[in-house]
């Protein structure tokens, strides 16, 4: 009998066509283990004399544990710079502040709060981080803070967001406030300072309890310079000590006179409430002399102090409006967390907050404002596009676009609050569709808030009505393409308290569609279609559900 060597025969191709197909075995961790098992069984089967014996040995065979794949160390993005952190002794924790300020809310959104808070900008993956690059992306800068256009996420997967920062803190002298320590509430924190020892003693960093881990630093090169609170970087202009003349002196000297150090100085030696403070070259004036009044000490050497001027008034170095600034920022986070996920409200993405006041709020990126808001007449907005013939709104389209805003107003009112500041600069269009959302919840109050301040006629009914009057103004602005004056017709938080402003649309006893509104829509072919919605918006007691129903019907 002859044998055919397939490997060297010209019939190789012919015979292979009749061979059964063999599936390829891809290397894997499982197949590797099977190969090891088969090898072990081949070596031991020669010595086995029964199936039971073979089964016992088979059960005892142990497979080698595969080694996990070696992962490359994580590379930090190019924009990342390591952030230094201070100890949080004597500084309030975010959850404590959040719980204290949200205690009067019907339901505390603790779960949403826990998911959204991160301690640093690095954890939130914000870009850019450098001040110079961030300044070029500023969208708005006002007394309530500043807003920047930023990117969030890793390289290649970033998304557009906006970052809201609290307003810059100003240092001044203030009359001493009564306080207790440990404080049961957030009071007088803007007059309490934490001294954190540096490695090069006797220098220390100065943190304000109301502002968290930011430290006091000199900004400028003299002979006079400004003072500001900034993130820790360990440089000499952030280090302080009390010299032999009771001056709070910086380790950094003046460039004009390096032998003279910068000292905390009350400008023009004004011994008065709210007197401004700066950094100035050392001198013998009483306006540069201070006493550190120790409130508490930690084992680590950190001290909680009040910095008291040695001038006659013995006023205290204070971060002006620090407590109020922190309260406003945290309350806005409370409201954004409470109504998170609502289609008519800008969505909260992250809160950068480790202690003290929140460092930043990250929000979704929206498009143009409905109107100019607090800007000038040439402010880019939807109403400007309508006037230039680039866009147009029918009553149906306007009602459909503003319906999410009506729904979120209804939800706010259901929970016992009012928006208070619904002007066309706080209503923004979405980037992906023709719908609008409201932003800036910094003016939200309880519905009965204005009654104690303005009188019995300004109760919760009036507050809710005023929100709906402002909504009517936004609706008419879109339909008519006109920039209407919300401050004169309806009034917001600031204008409603100003003398000489009548605000006819939101008068306490006003009811029915105003005459000027009837005049605006007179002769329009769509006037009958919107009459029911306008009557509901200008009713003596506006029915939120009815307004939302009529919005949907008009659309």
Protein backbone atom coordinates (compact mmCIF):
# COMPACT_ATOMS: atom_id res chain seq x y z
CA UNK A 1 0.00 0.00 0.00
CA UNK A 2 1.39 3.31 -1.00
CA UNK A 3 1.12 6.50 0.85
CA UNK A 4 0.73 9.96 -0.57
CA UNK A 5 2.73 12.75 0.98
CA UNK A 6 0.36 15.65 0.60
CA UNK A 7 2.91 18.26 1.55
CA UNK A 8 5.12 17.40 -1.50
CA UNK A 9 2.57 16.05 -4.02
CA UNK A 10 1.04 17.91 -6.95
CA UNK A 11 -2.31 16.59 -5.67
CA UNK A 12 -2.13 18.83 -2.64
CA UNK A 13 -4.61 21.35 -4.03
CA UNK A 14 -6.92 18.55 -5.28
CA UNK A 15 -7.05 16.65 -1.98
CA UNK A 16 -7.39 19.80 0.12
CA UNK A 17 -10.66 20.56 -1.63
CA UNK A 18 -12.12 17.36 -0.09
CA UNK A 19 -10.72 18.03 3.38
CA UNK A 20 -13.16 19.14 6.05
CA UNK A 21 -12.85 22.85 6.82
CA UNK A 22 -11.03 23.69 9.99
CA UNK A 23 -12.03 26.87 11.85
CA UNK A 24 -9.07 29.02 12.85
CA UNK A 25 -8.32 29.25 16.55
CA UNK A 26 -7.80 32.82 17.60
CA UNK A 27 -5.46 33.26 20.54
CA UNK A 28 -7.32 34.09 23.70
CA UNK A 29 -7.04 33.61 27.41
CA UNK A 30 -9.62 30.77 27.34
CA UNK A 31 -7.94 28.82 24.52
CA UNK A 32 -4.58 29.21 26.28
CA UNK A 33 -6.01 27.61 29.40
CA UNK A 34 -7.51 24.76 27.36
CA UNK A 35 -4.11 24.06 25.76
CA UNK A 36 -2.44 23.90 29.16
CA UNK A 37 -5.12 21.57 30.43
CA UNK A 38 -4.73 19.19 27.44
CA UNK A 39 -0.94 19.12 27.90
CA UNK A 40 -1.28 18.26 31.57
CA UNK A 41 -3.73 15.45 30.81
CA UNK A 42 -1.44 13.92 28.16
CA UNK A 43 1.43 13.75 30.61
CA UNK A 44 -0.59 12.15 33.38
CA UNK A 45 -2.80 9.73 31.38
CA UNK A 46 0.06 7.23 30.98
CA UNK A 47 0.05 6.63 34.74
CA UNK A 48 -3.75 6.44 35.20
CA UNK A 49 -5.38 2.93 35.39
CA UNK A 50 -9.09 3.78 35.82
CA UNK A 51 -11.61 6.42 34.89
CA UNK A 52 -12.30 7.23 38.53
CA UNK A 53 -8.60 7.80 39.10
CA UNK A 54 -8.49 10.00 35.99
CA UNK A 55 -11.48 11.99 37.24
CA UNK A 56 -9.81 12.61 40.61
CA UNK A 57 -6.66 13.86 38.97
CA UNK A 58 -8.65 15.96 36.53
CA UNK A 59 -10.43 17.68 39.42
CA UNK A 60 -7.09 18.42 41.07
CA UNK A 61 -5.56 20.06 38.01
CA UNK A 62 -5.09 23.75 38.69
CA UNK A 63 -4.89 26.26 35.88
CA UNK A 64 -2.29 28.97 36.05
CA UNK A 65 -3.81 32.37 36.81
CA UNK A 66 -3.42 34.60 33.75
CA UNK A 67 -1.55 37.82 34.36
CA UNK A 68 -3.56 40.98 33.80
CA UNK A 69 -2.56 43.06 30.82
CA UNK A 70 -0.08 45.76 31.66
CA UNK A 71 -1.74 49.12 31.26
CA UNK A 72 0.21 52.16 30.29
CA UNK A 73 0.25 54.89 32.92
CA UNK A 74 -2.46 57.49 32.34
CA UNK A 75 -1.13 60.53 30.56
CA UNK A 76 -2.34 63.85 31.81
CA UNK A 77 -3.75 66.18 29.15
CA UNK A 78 -1.49 68.93 27.91
CA UNK A 79 -3.62 71.60 29.57
CA UNK A 80 -3.35 70.05 33.03
CA UNK A 81 -1.21 71.69 35.67
CA UNK A 82 -1.10 70.13 39.17
CA UNK A 83 -3.23 72.09 41.63
CA UNK A 84 -2.01 72.61 45.14
CA UNK A 85 -4.50 72.16 47.95
CA UNK A 86 -4.70 73.41 51.49
CA UNK A 87 -6.06 71.57 54.48
CA UNK A 88 -9.77 72.14 55.03
CA UNK A 89 -9.54 72.71 58.78
CA UNK A 90 -11.90 75.51 59.85
CA UNK A 91 -13.42 75.62 56.35
CA UNK A 92 -17.05 74.74 55.78
CA UNK A 93 -17.79 71.60 53.78
CA UNK A 94 -20.03 71.85 50.68
CA UNK A 95 -22.69 69.50 52.01
CA UNK A 96 -22.97 71.47 55.28
CA UNK A 97 -23.61 74.72 53.43
CA UNK A 98 -25.96 73.09 50.96
CA UNK A 99 -27.98 71.42 53.72
CA UNK A 100 -28.20 74.64 55.74
CA UNK A 101 -29.42 76.79 52.86
CA UNK A 102 -31.83 74.20 51.45
CA UNK A 103 -33.42 73.33 54.79
CA UNK A 104 -36.56 75.36 54.03
CA UNK A 105 -37.08 73.65 50.67
CA UNK A 106 -39.79 71.01 50.54
CA UNK A 107 -37.36 68.41 49.21
CA UNK A 108 -33.59 68.55 49.25
CA UNK A 109 -32.12 67.23 45.97
CA UNK A 110 -29.26 65.49 47.77
CA UNK A 111 -28.80 62.73 45.20
CA UNK A 112 -28.45 65.12 42.29
CA UNK A 113 -26.12 67.32 44.35
CA UNK A 114 -23.81 64.40 45.19
CA UNK A 115 -23.52 63.34 41.54
CA UNK A 116 -22.65 66.78 40.21
CA UNK A 117 -20.09 68.11 42.70
CA UNK A 118 -16.36 67.75 41.96
CA UNK A 119 -13.53 69.33 43.99
CA UNK A 120 -11.37 70.90 41.26
CA UNK A 121 -11.45 72.11 37.67
CA UNK A 122 -9.18 69.21 36.80
CA UNK A 123 -11.80 66.74 38.00
CA UNK A 124 -14.38 68.52 35.86
CA UNK A 125 -11.93 68.41 32.88
CA UNK A 126 -12.39 72.10 32.12
CA UNK A 127 -10.36 73.73 29.35
CA UNK A 128 -8.78 76.28 29.32
CA UNK A 129 -7.51 76.77 32.85
CA UNK A 130 -5.08 79.66 32.45
CA UNK A 131 -6.47 83.09 33.31
CA UNK A 132 -5.16 84.73 30.14
CA UNK A 133 -6.83 82.18 27.87
CA UNK A 134 -10.02 82.21 29.94
CA UNK A 135 -10.29 86.02 29.72
CA UNK A 136 -10.49 85.78 25.93
CA UNK A 137 -13.59 83.57 26.27
CA UNK A 138 -15.57 85.87 28.59
CA UNK A 139 -19.25 86.09 27.56
CA UNK A 140 -20.50 88.29 30.39
CA UNK A 141 -19.03 90.12 33.37
CA UNK A 142 -21.27 91.84 35.92
CA UNK A 143 -21.95 92.32 39.58
CA UNK A 144 -23.47 88.82 39.85
CA UNK A 145 -20.35 87.15 38.46
CA UNK A 146 -18.78 86.31 35.12
CA UNK A 147 -19.62 83.72 32.45
CA UNK A 148 -17.09 82.02 30.15
CA UNK A 149 -17.26 79.78 27.09
CA UNK A 150 -15.30 76.61 27.94
CA UNK A 151 -14.81 73.04 26.77
CA UNK A 152 -15.40 70.10 29.10
CA UNK A 153 -14.04 66.58 28.66
CA UNK A 154 -10.95 64.80 27.43
CA UNK A 155 -9.20 65.55 24.13
CA UNK A 156 -11.31 64.40 21.21
CA UNK A 157 -14.48 64.12 23.32
CA UNK A 158 -14.99 67.67 24.54
CA UNK A 159 -18.35 69.37 24.60
CA UNK A 160 -19.24 73.04 24.67
CA UNK A 161 -20.28 74.41 28.05
CA UNK A 162 -20.42 77.69 29.93
CA UNK A 163 -18.73 78.27 33.26
CA UNK A 164 -20.16 80.75 35.75
CA UNK A 165 -17.79 82.18 38.35
CA UNK A 166 -18.73 84.19 41.45
CA UNK A 167 -17.95 87.94 41.41
CA UNK A 168 -14.49 89.07 42.42
CA UNK A 169 -14.22 89.62 46.16
CA UNK A 170 -13.32 93.06 47.51
CA UNK A 171 -11.46 93.56 50.80
CA UNK A 172 -12.50 96.37 53.12
CA UNK A 173 -12.96 97.36 56.76
CA UNK A 174 -16.25 96.54 58.45
CA UNK A 175 -17.69 96.96 61.91
CA UNK A 176 -17.22 93.85 63.98
CA UNK A 177 -20.18 91.45 63.85
CA UNK A 178 -21.41 89.32 66.72
CA UNK A 179 -20.71 85.64 66.22
CA UNK A 180 -20.36 82.37 68.07
CA UNK A 181 -17.83 79.64 67.36
CA UNK A 182 -18.41 76.96 66.29
CA UNK A 183 -21.08 78.83 64.32
CA UNK A 184 -24.49 77.10 64.05
CA UNK A 185 -25.16 79.01 60.82
CA UNK A 186 -23.23 80.75 58.10
CA UNK A 187 -22.80 84.12 59.77
CA UNK A 188 -19.80 86.46 60.03
CA UNK A 189 -17.69 83.99 58.06
CA UNK A 190 -16.42 86.79 55.83
CA UNK A 191 -14.63 88.24 58.90
CA UNK A 192 -12.94 84.96 59.85
CA UNK A 193 -9.52 84.11 58.41
CA UNK A 194 -7.55 80.86 58.51
CA UNK A 195 -3.76 81.15 58.98
CA UNK A 196 -2.06 78.18 57.31
CA UNK A 197 1.68 77.91 58.21
CA UNK A 198 4.15 77.75 55.32
CA UNK A 199 7.27 75.60 55.26
CA UNK A 200 9.39 78.75 55.56
CA UNK A 201 8.24 80.00 58.94
CA UNK A 202 7.07 82.46 60.24
CA UNK A 203 5.13 82.98 57.00
CA UNK A 204 1.59 81.74 56.51
CA UNK A 205 -1.19 81.79 53.93
CA UNK A 206 -4.46 83.63 54.63
CA UNK A 207 -7.79 82.02 53.64
CA UNK A 208 -11.19 83.57 54.24
CA UNK A 209 -13.76 81.16 55.64
CA UNK A 210 -16.51 82.51 53.35
CA UNK A 211 -14.42 81.92 50.22
CA UNK A 212 -12.83 78.56 51.03
CA UNK A 213 -9.31 77.51 50.11
CA UNK A 214 -8.39 80.56 48.01
CA UNK A 215 -5.57 82.60 49.54
CA UNK A 216 -4.87 86.31 49.82
CA UNK A 217 -2.22 87.57 47.40
CA UNK A 218 -0.61 90.82 46.21
CA UNK A 219 -1.42 91.75 42.64
CA UNK A 220 0.96 94.32 41.12
CA UNK A 221 4.52 95.59 41.57
CA UNK A 222 4.07 98.79 43.57
CA UNK A 223 4.56 100.96 45.34
CA UNK A 224 0.78 100.40 45.63
CA UNK A 225 -0.82 97.13 44.56
CA UNK A 226 -4.20 95.44 44.80
CA UNK A 227 -5.21 92.53 46.99
CA UNK A 228 -7.27 89.61 45.79
CA UNK A 229 -8.23 86.07 46.67
CA UNK A 230 -6.70 83.51 44.32
CA UNK A 231 -5.85 79.83 44.04
CA UNK A 232 -2.74 78.71 45.89
CA UNK A 233 0.47 78.51 43.85
CA UNK A 234 3.07 78.80 46.64
CA UNK A 235 4.71 82.03 45.41
CA UNK A 236 6.06 84.76 47.72
CA UNK A 237 3.22 87.19 47.01
CA UNK A 238 0.83 84.76 48.75
CA UNK A 239 2.86 84.50 51.98
CA UNK A 240 2.35 86.79 54.99
CA UNK A 241 3.71 87.36 58.48
CA UNK A 242 3.24 89.82 61.33
CA UNK A 243 6.43 91.87 61.69
CA UNK A 244 7.81 93.60 64.77
CA UNK A 245 5.68 96.71 64.08
CA UNK A 246 2.38 94.76 63.95
CA UNK A 247 2.18 95.06 60.18
CA UNK A 248 0.83 92.24 58.02
CA UNK A 249 3.71 92.09 55.57
CA UNK A 250 4.04 90.06 52.39
CA UNK A 251 7.19 88.10 51.63
CA UNK A 252 7.29 89.83 48.26
CA UNK A 253 9.01 93.21 48.17
CA UNK A 254 8.28 96.23 45.98
CA UNK A 255 10.18 96.29 42.72
CA UNK A 256 10.94 99.98 43.18
CA UNK A 257 12.26 99.38 46.71
CA UNK A 258 13.05 95.68 47.21
CA UNK A 259 14.02 96.29 50.82
CA UNK A 260 10.45 97.43 51.54
CA UNK A 261 7.78 94.77 51.81
CA UNK A 262 4.14 95.07 50.80
CA UNK A 263 1.83 95.50 53.80
CA UNK A 264 -1.96 95.44 54.10
CA UNK A 265 -2.91 99.11 54.11
CA UNK A 266 -6.20 100.97 54.70
CA UNK A 267 -6.37 103.50 51.85
CA UNK A 268 -6.00 107.11 53.06
CA UNK A 269 -6.24 105.84 56.65
CA UNK A 270 -10.05 106.02 56.49
CA UNK A 271 -11.30 104.64 59.78
CA UNK A 272 -14.81 104.07 58.42
CA UNK A 273 -17.16 101.29 57.50
CA UNK A 274 -16.47 99.84 54.00
CA UNK A 275 -13.08 101.63 53.77
CA UNK A 276 -11.01 100.11 50.96
CA UNK A 277 -7.84 98.12 51.59
CA UNK A 278 -4.80 97.61 49.34
CA UNK A 279 -1.15 96.52 49.50
CA UNK A 280 1.34 99.36 50.02
CA UNK A 281 5.02 99.72 50.78
CA UNK A 282 5.72 99.46 54.51
CA UNK A 283 5.52 102.65 56.57
CA UNK A 284 4.89 103.62 60.19
CA UNK A 285 1.23 104.60 59.73
CA UNK A 286 -1.42 103.25 62.05
CA UNK A 287 -3.43 102.20 59.00
CA UNK A 288 -0.92 99.37 58.45
CA UNK A 289 -1.04 97.95 61.97
CA UNK A 290 -3.18 94.96 62.79
CA UNK A 291 -3.90 92.53 65.59
CA UNK A 292 -4.64 88.85 64.96
CA UNK A 293 -7.43 87.96 67.38
CA UNK A 294 -7.30 84.16 67.74
CA UNK A 295 -10.71 82.46 67.69
CA UNK A 296 -9.55 78.82 67.61
CA UNK A 297 -6.40 76.73 67.17
CA UNK A 298 -5.77 73.35 65.58
CA UNK A 299 -3.18 70.75 66.52
CA UNK A 300 -1.60 71.19 63.10
CA UNK A 301 -0.74 74.81 63.94
CA UNK A 302 -3.48 76.39 61.86
CA UNK A 303 -5.33 79.26 63.48
CA UNK A 304 -8.75 80.76 62.98
CA UNK A 305 -8.43 84.53 63.53
CA UNK A 306 -10.05 87.89 63.06
CA UNK A 307 -7.75 90.60 61.68
CA UNK A 308 -8.53 93.76 63.68
CA UNK A 309 -7.22 97.21 62.74
CA UNK A 310 -5.35 99.14 65.44
CA UNK A 311 -6.98 102.40 64.37
CA UNK A 312 -9.46 103.96 66.80
CA UNK A 313 -12.51 102.20 65.35
CA UNK A 314 -11.01 98.69 65.75
CA UNK A 315 -12.79 97.53 62.61
CA UNK A 316 -12.20 94.11 61.10
CA UNK A 317 -10.68 93.11 57.75
CA UNK A 318 -13.64 91.72 55.82
CA UNK A 319 -14.37 90.11 52.49
CA UNK A 320 -17.19 92.42 51.43
CA UNK A 321 -20.50 90.62 50.87
CA UNK A 322 -18.67 87.32 51.20
CA UNK A 323 -21.50 85.68 53.13
CA UNK A 324 -24.19 87.00 50.77
CA UNK A 325 -22.16 86.06 47.70
CA UNK A 326 -21.78 82.51 48.97
CA UNK A 327 -25.47 82.32 49.89
CA UNK A 328 -26.63 83.50 46.44
CA UNK A 329 -24.32 81.07 44.64
CA UNK A 330 -25.33 78.07 46.77
CA UNK A 331 -29.04 78.88 46.51
CA UNK A 332 -28.77 78.97 42.72
CA UNK A 333 -27.19 75.51 42.87
CA UNK A 334 -30.06 74.38 45.12
CA UNK A 335 -32.64 75.53 42.58
CA UNK A 336 -30.76 74.16 39.57
CA UNK A 337 -30.47 70.81 41.37
CA UNK A 338 -34.11 70.83 42.44
CA UNK A 339 -35.46 71.34 38.91
CA UNK A 340 -32.66 69.47 37.13
CA UNK A 341 -33.83 67.68 34.00
CA UNK A 342 -36.68 70.08 33.19
CA UNK A 343 -36.83 70.88 29.48
CA UNK A 344 -37.37 74.60 30.01
CA UNK A 345 -34.38 75.12 32.34
CA UNK A 346 -30.69 75.30 31.53
CA UNK A 347 -29.09 72.05 32.66
CA UNK A 348 -26.54 71.93 35.45
CA UNK A 349 -23.56 69.76 34.41
CA UNK A 350 -21.03 70.09 37.22
CA UNK A 351 -20.32 72.15 40.33
CA UNK A 352 -16.68 72.79 41.20
CA UNK A 353 -16.75 73.03 44.97
CA UNK A 354 -14.43 71.73 47.67
CA UNK A 355 -15.17 74.12 50.53
CA UNK A 356 -16.32 77.70 51.13
CA UNK A 357 -18.09 79.28 48.17
CA UNK A 358 -18.53 77.22 44.99
CA UNK A 359 -15.64 77.98 42.68
CA UNK A 360 -17.62 77.54 39.47
CA UNK A 361 -20.86 76.22 37.99
CA UNK A 362 -20.77 74.39 34.65
CA UNK A 363 -23.94 74.67 32.56
CA UNK A 364 -25.03 73.50 29.14
CA UNK A 365 -24.22 75.76 26.21
CA UNK A 366 -27.22 77.55 24.72
CA UNK A 367 -27.65 79.85 21.73
CA UNK A 368 -28.77 83.45 21.34
CA UNK A 369 -30.78 85.46 23.84
CA UNK A 370 -34.38 86.18 22.95
CA UNK A 371 -33.80 89.93 23.37
CA UNK A 372 -31.04 92.34 24.31
CA UNK A 373 -31.61 91.93 28.05
CA UNK A 374 -29.28 94.28 29.89
CA UNK A 375 -27.11 94.79 26.78
CA UNK A 376 -27.11 97.58 24.23
CA UNK A 377 -29.46 97.92 21.24
CA UNK A 378 -27.01 96.15 18.91
CA UNK A 379 -26.73 93.08 21.13
CA UNK A 380 -26.89 89.91 19.03
CA UNK A 381 -30.25 88.29 19.80
CA UNK A 382 -33.27 86.69 18.16
CA UNK A 383 -35.27 89.96 18.14
CA UNK A 384 -32.44 91.67 16.26
CA UNK A 385 -32.52 88.85 13.67
CA UNK A 386 -36.27 89.38 13.27
CA UNK A 387 -35.85 93.13 12.76
CA UNK A 388 -33.15 92.46 10.15
CA UNK A 389 -35.40 90.04 8.30
CA UNK A 390 -33.32 86.96 9.14
CA UNK A 391 -36.06 85.25 11.16
CA UNK A 392 -39.76 85.44 11.80
CA UNK A 393 -42.28 84.03 14.26
CA UNK A 394 -45.96 83.33 13.82
CA UNK A 395 -48.11 83.12 16.98
CA UNK A 396 -48.15 79.33 16.67
CA UNK A 397 -44.37 79.08 16.34
CA UNK A 398 -43.80 81.54 19.21
CA UNK A 399 -46.17 79.64 21.52
CA UNK A 400 -44.55 76.31 20.61
CA UNK A 401 -41.02 77.66 21.19
CA UNK A 402 -41.88 79.22 24.55
CA UNK A 403 -43.95 76.31 25.85
CA UNK A 404 -40.99 74.77 27.81
CA UNK A 405 -40.54 78.14 29.55
CA UNK A 406 -44.21 78.16 30.52
CA UNK A 407 -43.89 74.63 31.88
CA UNK A 408 -40.86 75.45 34.04
CA UNK A 409 -42.62 78.57 35.41
CA UNK A 410 -45.57 76.40 36.36
CA UNK A 411 -43.25 73.95 38.15
CA UNK A 412 -41.49 76.78 40.03
CA UNK A 413 -44.84 78.19 41.14
CA UNK A 414 -46.11 74.75 42.18
CA UNK A 415 -43.15 74.42 44.54
CA UNK A 416 -43.94 77.77 46.19
CA UNK A 417 -41.31 79.94 44.47
CA UNK A 418 -41.26 82.73 41.88
CA UNK A 419 -38.63 83.53 39.25
CA UNK A 420 -38.70 87.38 39.69
CA UNK A 421 -36.30 88.22 36.84
CA UNK A 422 -37.82 86.89 33.61
CA UNK A 423 -36.52 89.38 31.04
CA UNK A 424 -35.61 88.50 27.46
CA UNK A 425 -31.89 88.34 28.32
CA UNK A 426 -32.58 85.38 30.60
CA UNK A 427 -34.45 83.40 27.92
CA UNK A 428 -32.06 81.64 25.50
CA UNK A 429 -32.68 79.52 22.45
CA UNK A 430 -31.35 75.98 22.29
CA UNK A 431 -28.62 75.13 19.81
CA UNK A 432 -30.29 71.99 18.46
CA UNK A 433 -33.91 73.14 18.03
CA UNK A 434 -36.15 76.19 18.06
CA UNK A 435 -37.07 76.04 21.74
CA UNK A 436 -36.16 78.31 24.62
CA UNK A 437 -34.83 77.81 28.14
CA UNK A 438 -34.46 80.11 31.14
CA UNK A 439 -31.14 80.76 32.84
CA UNK A 440 -29.93 82.58 35.97
CA UNK A 441 -31.94 81.46 38.98
CA UNK A 442 -30.09 83.89 41.27
CA UNK A 443 -33.24 85.99 41.85
CA UNK A 444 -35.63 83.14 42.76
CA UNK A 445 -37.44 83.70 46.07
CA UNK A 446 -40.39 82.34 47.98
CA UNK A 447 -43.70 83.44 46.46
CA UNK A 448 -44.61 85.49 49.55
CA UNK A 449 -41.20 87.19 49.77
CA UNK A 450 -42.30 90.65 48.57
CA UNK A 451 -45.28 90.94 50.91
CA UNK A 452 -43.13 91.75 53.94
CA UNK A 453 -41.08 94.28 51.97
CA UNK A 454 -43.71 96.05 49.82
CA UNK A 455 -47.03 95.47 51.60
CA UNK A 456 -50.07 93.20 51.65
CA UNK A 457 -50.96 93.89 48.02
CA UNK A 458 -47.71 92.28 46.91
CA UNK A 459 -48.33 88.74 48.07
CA UNK A 460 -47.85 85.42 46.32
CA UNK A 461 -50.65 86.07 43.79
CA UNK A 462 -48.97 89.27 42.61
CA UNK A 463 -45.53 87.62 42.45
CA UNK A 464 -46.81 84.77 40.25
CA UNK A 465 -48.77 87.18 38.08
CA UNK A 466 -45.62 89.25 37.51
CA UNK A 467 -43.78 86.19 36.17
CA UNK A 468 -46.60 85.58 33.70
CA UNK A 469 -46.72 89.24 32.64
CA UNK A 470 -43.01 88.96 31.79
CA UNK A 471 -43.76 85.78 29.84
CA UNK A 472 -46.45 87.66 27.90
CA UNK A 473 -43.90 90.34 27.05
CA UNK A 474 -41.50 87.71 25.66
CA UNK A 475 -44.31 86.15 23.61
CA UNK A 476 -45.39 89.50 22.15
CA UNK A 477 -41.77 90.40 21.42
CA UNK A 478 -41.33 87.30 19.26
CA UNK A 479 -44.65 87.73 17.42
CA UNK A 480 -44.25 91.48 16.81
CA UNK A 481 -40.45 91.49 16.43
CA UNK A 482 -40.24 94.41 18.86
CA UNK A 483 -37.95 95.03 21.82
CA UNK A 484 -40.36 95.80 24.67
CA UNK A 485 -39.15 97.37 27.91
CA UNK A 486 -39.68 94.77 30.63
CA UNK A 487 -38.34 97.04 33.35
CA UNK A 488 -40.89 99.79 32.61
CA UNK A 489 -43.88 97.54 31.86
CA UNK A 490 -43.43 94.64 34.29
CA UNK A 491 -40.48 95.35 36.59
CA UNK A 492 -37.85 92.98 37.93
CA UNK A 493 -36.20 92.68 41.34
CA UNK A 494 -34.28 95.94 41.10
CA UNK A 495 -36.77 98.11 39.22
CA UNK A 496 -39.80 97.10 41.28
CA UNK A 497 -38.24 98.68 44.38
CA UNK A 498 -37.24 101.90 42.60
CA UNK A 499 -39.40 104.97 43.16
CA UNK A 500 -41.11 106.60 40.18
CA UNK A 501 -41.50 103.37 38.13
CA UNK A 502 -45.17 102.46 37.74
CA UNK A 503 -44.84 99.09 35.95
CA UNK A 504 -48.48 99.19 34.69
CA UNK A 505 -48.61 95.56 33.53
CA UNK A 506 -47.83 94.26 37.02
CA UNK A 507 -49.84 96.69 39.19
CA UNK A 508 -51.37 94.80 42.16
CA UNK A 509 -55.00 95.37 41.08
CA UNK A 510 -54.40 95.16 37.31
CA UNK A 511 -56.57 92.73 35.40
CA UNK A 512 -57.50 92.25 31.79
CA UNK A 513 -55.41 92.80 28.68
CA UNK A 514 -53.82 96.31 28.90
CA UNK A 515 -54.86 98.94 26.38
CA UNK A 516 -51.35 99.23 24.91
CA UNK A 517 -51.33 95.47 24.21
CA UNK A 518 -54.67 95.69 22.42
CA UNK A 519 -53.25 98.54 20.37
CA UNK A 520 -50.15 96.48 19.48
CA UNK A 521 -52.16 93.58 18.04
CA UNK A 522 -55.00 95.63 16.54
CA UNK A 523 -55.54 94.85 12.87
CA UNK A 524 -53.31 91.78 12.89
CA UNK A 525 -54.88 88.80 11.14
CA UNK A 526 -53.77 86.48 13.94
CA UNK A 527 -55.15 88.65 16.78
CA UNK A 528 -58.23 86.47 17.44
CA UNK A 529 -56.01 83.40 17.71
CA UNK A 530 -53.94 84.81 20.59
CA UNK A 531 -56.74 86.63 22.44
CA UNK A 532 -57.48 83.68 24.75
CA UNK A 533 -53.83 83.23 25.69
CA UNK A 534 -53.36 86.95 26.41
CA UNK A 535 -56.51 87.08 28.55
CA UNK A 536 -55.20 84.14 30.60
CA UNK A 537 -51.77 85.81 31.02
CA UNK A 538 -53.31 89.12 32.20
CA UNK A 539 -55.99 87.66 34.49
CA UNK A 540 -56.32 88.96 38.04
CA UNK A 541 -55.26 85.52 39.30
CA UNK A 542 -53.38 83.68 36.59
CA UNK A 543 -54.11 79.94 36.32
CA UNK A 544 -50.77 78.29 35.50
CA UNK A 545 -52.35 75.13 34.11
CA UNK A 546 -54.67 77.11 31.87
CA UNK A 547 -51.77 79.16 30.46
CA UNK A 548 -49.84 75.98 29.58
CA UNK A 549 -52.94 74.47 27.98
CA UNK A 550 -53.56 77.57 25.87
CA UNK A 551 -49.89 77.66 24.82
CA UNK A 552 -50.22 74.12 23.52
CA UNK A 553 -53.55 74.98 21.84
CA UNK A 554 -52.11 78.10 20.16
CA UNK A 555 -49.14 76.09 18.88
